[in-house]
Amino acid sequence: MTHTHYHFDHVGSFLRPQALKEARAAYNAGEISLEKLKEVQQAEIKNLVKNEAATGLAAVTDGEFNRSWWHLDFLWGLNGVEAYEQEDSYKFHGAKTRTTNIQLTGKVAFNPEHPFFADFEFLKSVLPDGVEPKVTIPSPSLIPNRDGRSDRWPEFYGTWEEFLDDLAQAYHETLLHFYELGARYIQLDDTTWAYLIARLLDDPANHEKYVKMSEDIVYVINKLLKDLPEDLRVSTHICRGNFKSTYLFEGSYEPVAKYLGQLNYDTFFLEYDDARSGSFAPLPEIWNQRKNVLLVLGVFTSKHPELEAISDIQERLDEATKYVPLENLALSTQCGFASTEEGNDLTEEEQWAKLSHIKAIADKIWD
């Protein structure tokens, strides 16, 4: 099925307003109830979606205002997964995250009571006219083999393949339930491909291990996407890390392009805001001649407030169209504005100015 293509789109997360930051801090300190925190969250989400629509976004999110992390809050809501505090944290370039992580506690399964479903229903209830709700959740690829999170799988499964199948099924049922609630646009955010880029290139001793990881991700993703409703659009965001305007990984898409080209997503959000991402040369292999697949080029940065020159963006698009037709391309920031509640180093006003800037350029190009 041919899905609607938005040539101006956004990855999903937004800077947390001060009132929301203060409410979450007060809740964590035991000073306000969960009900009071939710009241503040919902008020801020209602205001957010109005601003998103006013900026020209056709698909709007709740900004991830109900969560602390872009990924962990969802993952520990699955059955068989829970939170724990690991010994160390992620070491970004110039910053370190908190130590919270996830671990397996049983067989992975769909949770019909996952709190993200109620969050989506609230988002639907406050939508302005003329826009659709977009769901953003982490890819299941973040569980197998990453940072020891899945090292307990032999306690619950006879084989690795059984574990992967359960993971795919849990996600498949989750996406179906979002669909039943009215979602037609769901995004799976994924840092694993960026993690694999350097390892496939620079770790020859373990090359086959990382090839197997890549093949396992393709297997799980395509299994969870199989037999979903035809009018459900599923995108992915390939991210190199985004925390307080810093990054975690770097490198060209070339080592993983052939795997991305096998994934049955409708849309790929690709980071291209600086030299860390390499050239556009891997785009044809990622696109893989799929006429209904959209590549969203993140040639704008969400890490800094400076507005990119229109001439520079046009030049980069001209280069990209040497590899992929213009109708299969779109524009966005390389990531969201706040992958964790701390957010990037810019103001809310600068955030909206950045999005308005992208919208104006996209309208000019695809008018």
Protein backbone atom coordinates (compact mmCIF):
# COMPACT_ATOMS: atom_id res chain seq x y z
CA MET A 1 0.00 0.00 0.00
CA THR A 2 1.17 3.54 -0.77
CA HIS A 3 1.32 5.63 2.41
CA THR A 4 1.12 9.39 2.71
CA HIS A 5 4.58 10.91 2.47
CA TYR A 6 5.36 13.90 4.65
CA HIS A 7 8.29 15.82 3.21
CA PHE A 8 8.49 17.74 6.50
CA ASP A 9 8.54 15.43 9.51
CA HIS A 10 10.00 15.17 13.00
CA VAL A 11 11.60 12.33 14.96
CA GLY A 12 9.39 12.82 18.01
CA SER A 13 10.84 14.16 21.26
CA PHE A 14 10.61 17.79 22.42
CA LEU A 15 12.24 19.86 25.14
CA ARG A 16 10.45 19.47 28.47
CA PRO A 17 8.84 22.75 29.62
CA GLN A 18 10.02 24.08 32.99
CA ALA A 19 6.69 23.29 34.65
CA LEU A 20 7.04 19.65 33.63
CA LYS A 21 10.65 19.43 34.82
CA GLU A 22 9.67 20.87 38.19
CA ALA A 23 6.70 18.50 38.53
CA ARG A 24 8.80 15.44 37.76
CA ALA A 25 11.46 16.54 40.25
CA ALA A 26 8.79 17.10 42.88
CA TYR A 27 7.27 13.67 42.18
CA ASN A 28 10.69 11.97 42.41
CA ALA A 29 11.23 13.75 45.74
CA GLY A 30 7.87 12.51 47.03
CA GLU A 31 6.43 16.02 47.19
CA ILE A 32 3.51 15.49 44.78
CA SER A 33 1.38 12.49 43.80
CA LEU A 34 1.50 10.58 40.53
CA GLU A 35 -1.94 11.99 39.75
CA LYS A 36 -0.61 15.54 40.09
CA LEU A 37 2.37 14.72 37.85
CA LYS A 38 0.04 13.32 35.19
CA GLU A 39 -2.09 16.44 35.42
CA VAL A 40 0.94 18.59 34.61
CA GLN A 41 2.10 16.21 31.87
CA GLN A 42 -1.28 16.28 30.16
CA ALA A 43 -1.56 20.07 30.33
CA GLU A 44 1.87 20.42 28.72
CA ILE A 45 1.11 17.81 26.06
CA LYS A 46 -2.08 19.63 25.13
CA ASN A 47 -0.10 22.82 24.61
CA LEU A 48 2.66 20.96 22.75
CA VAL A 49 0.42 19.44 20.09
CA LYS A 50 -1.07 22.86 19.37
CA ASN A 51 2.44 24.17 18.74
CA GLU A 52 3.33 21.16 16.59
CA ALA A 53 0.29 21.67 14.41
CA ALA A 54 0.93 25.41 14.21
CA THR A 55 4.45 24.67 12.97
CA GLY A 56 3.00 22.64 10.12
CA LEU A 57 3.64 19.08 11.25
CA ALA A 58 1.07 16.70 9.80
CA ALA A 59 1.92 13.98 12.34
CA VAL A 60 2.32 15.03 15.96
CA THR A 61 3.64 13.26 19.05
CA ASP A 62 3.22 13.78 22.79
CA GLY A 63 6.86 14.90 22.82
CA GLU A 64 7.66 11.87 25.02
CA PHE A 65 6.59 14.06 27.95
CA ASN A 66 5.28 11.04 29.86
CA ARG A 67 8.69 9.38 29.99
CA SER A 68 12.16 10.02 31.32
CA TRP A 69 14.05 8.10 28.60
CA TRP A 70 13.29 7.64 24.91
CA HIS A 71 13.59 3.86 25.27
CA LEU A 72 13.71 2.46 28.79
CA ASP A 73 10.24 3.58 29.92
CA PHE A 74 8.73 1.55 27.09
CA LEU A 75 10.97 -1.51 27.39
CA TRP A 76 10.38 -2.08 31.08
CA GLY A 77 6.66 -1.91 30.39
CA LEU A 78 6.84 -5.20 28.45
CA ASN A 79 6.15 -8.39 30.33
CA GLY A 80 9.39 -10.17 31.20
CA VAL A 81 11.43 -6.95 31.36
CA GLU A 82 12.10 -4.66 34.31
CA ALA A 83 14.33 -1.79 35.39
CA TYR A 84 17.57 -2.11 37.31
CA GLU A 85 20.59 0.04 38.14
CA GLN A 86 23.73 -1.10 36.35
CA GLU A 87 27.27 -0.45 37.57
CA ASP A 88 28.12 2.12 34.91
CA SER A 89 26.33 4.36 32.43
CA TYR A 90 26.61 5.30 28.76
CA LYS A 91 29.67 7.43 28.06
CA PHE A 92 28.69 10.04 25.51
CA HIS A 93 31.27 12.46 24.09
CA GLY A 94 31.43 14.99 26.91
CA ALA A 95 28.68 13.58 29.15
CA LYS A 96 27.49 10.49 31.02
CA THR A 97 23.90 9.33 31.41
CA ARG A 98 22.19 7.95 34.48
CA THR A 99 22.78 4.26 35.29
CA THR A 100 19.22 3.01 34.84
CA ASN A 101 18.87 0.07 32.43
CA ILE A 102 16.73 -3.02 31.81
CA GLN A 103 17.06 -6.75 32.42
CA LEU A 104 15.09 -9.86 31.55
CA THR A 105 13.02 -11.36 34.35
CA GLY A 106 11.05 -13.91 32.34
CA LYS A 107 9.77 -14.65 28.87
CA VAL A 108 9.19 -11.47 26.88
CA ALA A 109 5.53 -10.90 26.08
CA PHE A 110 2.97 -8.28 25.08
CA ASN A 111 1.57 -6.31 27.99
CA PRO A 112 -2.05 -5.30 27.31
CA GLU A 113 -1.83 -2.90 30.28
CA HIS A 114 1.27 -1.12 29.01
CA PRO A 115 0.97 2.54 30.14
CA PHE A 116 1.92 3.79 26.65
CA PHE A 117 -1.53 2.76 25.41
CA ALA A 118 -3.25 5.17 27.81
CA ASP A 119 -0.72 7.83 26.82
CA PHE A 120 -1.67 7.37 23.17
CA GLU A 121 -5.38 7.61 23.92
CA PHE A 122 -4.81 10.91 25.69
CA LEU A 123 -2.79 12.21 22.73
CA LYS A 124 -5.66 11.32 20.41
CA SER A 125 -8.11 13.17 22.65
CA VAL A 126 -6.29 16.51 22.37
CA LEU A 127 -5.39 16.51 18.66
CA PRO A 128 -6.08 19.68 16.68
CA ASP A 129 -7.97 19.22 13.42
CA GLY A 130 -6.00 18.14 10.39
CA VAL A 131 -3.18 16.21 12.06
CA GLU A 132 -2.62 12.57 12.96
CA PRO A 133 -1.02 11.09 16.08
CA LYS A 134 2.41 9.49 15.80
CA VAL A 135 3.68 6.84 18.22
CA THR A 136 7.40 6.64 19.00
CA ILE A 137 8.82 3.56 20.75
CA PRO A 138 12.27 1.94 20.82
CA SER A 139 13.20 -0.85 18.43
CA PRO A 140 13.35 -4.39 19.86
CA SER A 141 16.95 -4.51 18.63
CA LEU A 142 17.92 -2.69 21.83
CA ILE A 143 17.34 -5.83 23.89
CA PRO A 144 19.41 -8.69 22.37
CA ASN A 145 23.18 -8.48 22.89
CA ARG A 146 23.28 -4.83 24.00
CA ASP A 147 25.21 -4.07 27.20
CA GLY A 148 24.38 -7.37 28.86
CA ARG A 149 20.67 -6.60 29.07
CA SER A 150 19.68 -9.94 27.57
CA ASP A 151 22.32 -12.14 29.22
CA ARG A 152 19.65 -13.88 31.32
CA TRP A 153 17.83 -15.32 28.29
CA PRO A 154 19.02 -18.94 28.93
CA GLU A 155 17.13 -18.85 32.24
CA PHE A 156 13.85 -18.58 30.33
CA TYR A 157 14.44 -20.05 26.85
CA GLY A 158 15.76 -23.29 25.43
CA THR A 159 17.15 -21.58 22.34
CA TRP A 160 18.19 -18.09 21.23
CA GLU A 161 15.71 -18.34 18.34
CA GLU A 162 12.81 -18.85 20.76
CA PHE A 163 13.84 -15.66 22.56
CA LEU A 164 13.97 -13.70 19.29
CA ASP A 165 10.56 -15.07 18.24
CA ASP A 166 8.96 -14.02 21.52
CA LEU A 167 10.49 -10.55 21.21
CA ALA A 168 9.12 -10.16 17.69
CA GLN A 169 5.69 -11.43 18.76
CA ALA A 170 5.53 -9.06 21.75
CA TYR A 171 6.19 -6.12 19.43
CA HIS A 172 3.82 -7.39 16.75
CA GLU A 173 0.97 -7.56 19.27
CA THR A 174 1.94 -4.16 20.66
CA LEU A 175 1.76 -2.52 17.23
CA LEU A 176 -1.56 -4.24 16.55
CA HIS A 177 -3.00 -2.88 19.79
CA PHE A 178 -1.84 0.63 18.96
CA TYR A 179 -3.58 0.15 15.61
CA GLU A 180 -6.78 -0.96 17.34
CA LEU A 181 -6.61 2.24 19.39
CA GLY A 182 -6.38 4.30 16.21
CA ALA A 183 -2.64 4.59 15.45
CA ARG A 184 -1.71 4.61 11.77
CA TYR A 185 1.86 5.91 12.13
CA ILE A 186 4.33 4.21 14.47
CA GLN A 187 8.09 4.75 14.67
CA LEU A 188 10.71 2.37 16.07
CA ASP A 189 13.80 4.29 17.23
CA ASP A 190 17.06 2.41 16.88
CA THR A 191 20.64 3.11 18.02
CA THR A 192 21.85 -0.44 17.39
CA TRP A 193 22.82 0.11 13.76
CA ALA A 194 25.09 2.98 14.78
CA TYR A 195 26.57 0.73 17.47
CA LEU A 196 27.29 -1.90 14.80
CA ILE A 197 28.83 0.44 12.23
CA ALA A 198 32.18 0.81 13.98
CA ARG A 199 32.26 -2.77 15.19
CA LEU A 200 31.73 -4.22 11.72
CA LEU A 201 34.60 -2.07 10.48
CA ASP A 202 37.05 -2.01 13.38
CA ASP A 203 36.71 -5.33 15.21
CA PRO A 204 37.82 -8.05 12.76
CA ALA A 205 38.31 -10.60 15.53
CA ASN A 206 34.58 -10.48 16.31
CA HIS A 207 33.30 -9.70 12.81
CA GLU A 208 31.09 -12.78 12.54
CA LYS A 209 29.50 -11.97 15.91
CA TYR A 210 28.41 -8.56 14.63
CA VAL A 211 27.24 -9.98 11.31
CA LYS A 212 25.04 -12.39 13.29
CA MET A 213 23.71 -9.49 15.38
CA SER A 214 22.81 -7.64 12.18
CA GLU A 215 21.07 -10.68 10.72
CA ASP A 216 19.17 -11.25 13.97
CA ILE A 217 17.88 -7.66 13.92
CA VAL A 218 16.65 -8.02 10.35
CA TYR A 219 14.92 -11.27 11.35
CA VAL A 220 13.17 -9.79 14.41
CA ILE A 221 12.11 -6.56 12.69
CA ASN A 222 10.71 -8.20 9.59
CA LYS A 223 8.96 -10.86 11.67
CA LEU A 224 7.21 -8.24 13.82
CA LEU A 225 6.23 -6.22 10.71
CA LYS A 226 4.78 -9.22 8.86
CA ASP A 227 1.01 -9.26 8.36
CA LEU A 228 0.35 -5.88 9.95
CA PRO A 229 -2.60 -3.90 8.51
CA GLU A 230 -1.75 -2.38 5.14
CA ASP A 231 -2.71 1.13 6.24
CA LEU A 232 -0.35 1.07 9.23
CA ARG A 233 2.80 3.07 8.38
CA VAL A 234 5.88 1.99 10.35
CA SER A 235 9.06 4.05 10.28
CA THR A 236 12.44 3.75 11.94
CA HIS A 237 14.92 6.33 13.16
CA ILE A 238 18.58 5.31 12.91
CA CYS A 239 20.28 7.31 15.67
CA ARG A 240 23.90 7.84 16.70
CA GLY A 241 22.97 8.95 20.21
CA ASN A 242 21.51 12.22 21.46
CA PHE A 243 22.08 13.36 25.04
CA LYS A 244 22.58 16.97 26.16
CA SER A 245 23.68 17.88 22.61
CA THR A 246 26.37 15.16 22.62
CA TYR A 247 26.61 11.91 20.66
CA LEU A 248 27.56 8.27 21.23
CA PHE A 249 28.51 6.77 17.84
CA GLU A 250 29.88 7.90 14.49
CA GLY A 251 30.61 6.51 11.04
CA SER A 252 29.14 6.07 7.56
CA TYR A 253 26.06 3.91 6.97
CA GLU A 254 28.07 1.85 4.48
CA PRO A 255 28.75 -1.18 6.77
CA VAL A 256 25.04 -1.62 7.62
CA ALA A 257 23.37 -0.33 4.43
CA LYS A 258 22.69 -3.79 3.03
CA TYR A 259 20.88 -4.75 6.23
CA LEU A 260 18.83 -1.54 6.31
CA GLY A 261 17.86 -2.23 2.71
CA GLN A 262 16.33 -5.54 3.82
CA LEU A 263 14.16 -4.04 6.56
CA ASN A 264 10.49 -3.79 5.60
CA TYR A 265 9.88 -0.33 7.03
CA ASP A 266 7.93 2.32 5.13
CA THR A 267 10.18 5.21 6.20
CA PHE A 268 13.78 5.63 7.38
CA PHE A 269 14.88 8.67 9.40
CA LEU A 270 18.62 9.00 8.77
CA GLU A 271 21.13 11.21 10.63
CA TYR A 272 23.04 13.50 8.29
CA ASP A 273 23.61 16.69 10.29
CA ASP A 274 27.42 16.60 10.28
CA ALA A 275 30.50 14.77 9.01
CA ARG A 276 30.05 11.95 11.55
CA SER A 277 27.37 10.46 9.31
CA GLY A 278 29.46 10.10 6.18
CA SER A 279 28.30 10.66 2.61
CA PHE A 280 25.03 9.93 0.81
CA ALA A 281 26.67 7.09 -1.14
CA PRO A 282 24.93 4.33 0.92
CA LEU A 283 21.44 5.75 0.21
CA PRO A 284 20.70 3.59 -2.87
CA GLU A 285 21.40 0.39 -0.93
CA ILE A 286 19.22 1.56 1.98
CA TRP A 287 16.41 2.66 -0.34
CA ASN A 288 16.81 -0.53 -2.41
CA GLN A 289 14.65 0.67 -5.33
CA ARG A 290 11.50 0.51 -3.17
CA LYS A 291 9.16 3.04 -4.77
CA ASN A 292 6.97 3.46 -1.68
CA VAL A 293 9.85 3.85 0.81
CA LEU A 294 10.73 7.33 2.09
CA LEU A 295 14.16 8.40 3.33
CA VAL A 296 13.97 11.33 5.74
CA LEU A 297 17.29 13.15 5.69
CA GLY A 298 18.25 14.61 9.05
CA VAL A 299 20.40 17.36 7.56
CA PHE A 300 19.28 19.80 10.26
CA THR A 301 20.63 19.44 13.79
CA SER A 302 18.53 19.32 16.94
CA LYS A 303 21.66 19.74 19.07
CA HIS A 304 22.26 23.45 18.42
CA PRO A 305 20.01 26.47 17.70
CA GLU A 306 21.80 27.90 14.66
CA LEU A 307 19.64 27.76 11.53
CA GLU A 308 21.20 26.00 8.58
CA ALA A 309 21.64 28.05 5.42
CA ILE A 310 18.99 27.39 2.79
CA SER A 311 21.68 27.22 0.09
CA ASP A 312 23.54 24.52 2.04
CA ILE A 313 20.40 22.44 2.43
CA GLN A 314 19.53 22.78 -1.24
CA GLU A 315 23.06 21.74 -2.16
CA ARG A 316 22.84 18.66 0.04
CA LEU A 317 19.46 17.69 -1.41
CA ASP A 318 20.81 18.11 -4.92
CA GLU A 319 23.56 15.69 -3.98
CA ALA A 320 21.12 13.21 -2.43
CA THR A 321 18.96 13.17 -5.57
CA LYS A 322 21.89 11.74 -7.47
CA TYR A 323 21.16 8.57 -5.50
CA VAL A 324 17.42 8.62 -4.68
CA PRO A 325 14.52 10.44 -6.42
CA LEU A 326 13.38 13.67 -4.75
CA GLU A 327 9.86 12.25 -4.27
CA ASN A 328 11.36 9.57 -1.99
CA LEU A 329 13.16 12.09 0.21
CA ALA A 330 12.05 14.29 3.11
CA LEU A 331 13.57 16.64 5.68
CA SER A 332 13.88 16.58 9.46
CA THR A 333 16.29 17.22 12.29
CA GLN A 334 18.73 14.34 12.76
CA CYS A 335 17.05 13.40 16.06
CA GLY A 336 14.52 14.69 18.55
CA PHE A 337 15.20 17.63 20.85
CA ALA A 338 15.18 15.63 24.09
CA SER A 339 15.95 11.92 23.88
CA THR A 340 16.03 12.02 27.67
CA GLU A 341 14.25 14.48 29.93
CA GLU A 342 17.45 16.54 30.28
CA GLY A 343 17.10 17.76 26.69
CA ASN A 344 19.54 19.37 24.25
CA ASP A 345 21.26 22.73 24.71
CA LEU A 346 18.76 25.10 23.15
CA THR A 347 15.58 26.87 24.23
CA GLU A 348 11.99 26.03 23.42
CA GLU A 349 11.81 29.14 21.23
CA GLU A 350 14.89 27.98 19.32
CA GLN A 351 13.36 24.53 18.98
CA TRP A 352 10.23 25.91 17.29
CA ALA A 353 12.30 28.29 15.15
CA LYS A 354 14.30 25.31 13.89
CA LEU A 355 11.15 23.40 12.92
CA SER A 356 9.59 26.43 11.25
CA HIS A 357 12.81 26.86 9.28
CA ILE A 358 12.65 23.26 8.05
CA LYS A 359 8.98 23.61 7.12
CA ALA A 360 9.65 26.73 5.05
CA ILE A 361 12.46 25.01 3.14
CA ALA A 362 10.45 21.82 2.57
CA ASP A 363 7.50 23.82 1.24
CA LYS A 364 9.79 25.63 -1.17
CA ILE A 365 11.35 22.40 -2.45
CA TRP A 366 8.23 20.23 -2.78
CA ASP A 367 5.72 22.95 -3.72
